[in-house]
């Protein structure tokens, strides 16, 4: 009940702030709105920071996001059937992506490491060995930390390009890649298999990381304080977990029987086989 009253009170406060601002477009009302919605910038920065290389500071994202918030407050049209939070988060994210595009994260060293990683993955597939972050890093002659840092740099470049074209509400190509609303019977089966794989792959610390990041929506700093590790270590843990899941899902897909119950020709259950590396980058 108290939570409901608090939500109602916040809604009334927001309406009052917007009424004051639209009445005279004065600076005090504008500043009050910006201050009220400033936590949105922290949320978006924290969500993006998990997937970025260590060379990108969350403070830089926050500064760019504040510019996006200012623009959102100034240009928001309440006559449109869009909640301000939805509109503002699109603007904030867009401003942060603009800042990221100005950074050259795909340096020659990163590209060379990426090529070594893909070659290492291919060699492991061809020899039938199980892929893991540790195995791939060892085969590529780099550390697991370097592997994760490289993957985050590639990931940053890939999803930034998907967000190049976004509308006023922040809808972009990236937001249209997956339909979150529809689920077929086959998807339900695959979801159960995915959950089983998650239980197999993730240890207790991984599960805690999932809860803190995806459910509690805490920032890197807040998660690091709970786990007793640095922000960069939290980011690396997340990337390692995603890569382990990626490799296990790939292996499960290669072992999956066809409609007649047969495993793919030339492939034996439980073994990796030669194949083309998956396109794109899985880290989300």
Foldseek 3Di string as FASTA:
>chain_A
DVVVVVVVVVVVVQVVLVVVCVVPVDPVSLVVNLVSCLVLQVLLLQLLVLLAAPVDDSVLLSVQLSVLQSVLSVPPDPVDPDDSSLLSNLSSNLSSLVVVVVDDLCDPVLVVLVVLLQVLVQVCLAVFHQDALCSSCVSSVHDSLSVLNSLSSQVSVVVSVQQPDADSSNDTNVNVPDDPPDADPVNVVVVVVLVVLLVVQDDPLRVVLCCVCVPVSDGLCVNCVVVVHHSSVSSSVLSNSQRRSVRVVVLCVQQDAPPVRHHDPPDDRPTRHRDRDDPDHRRD
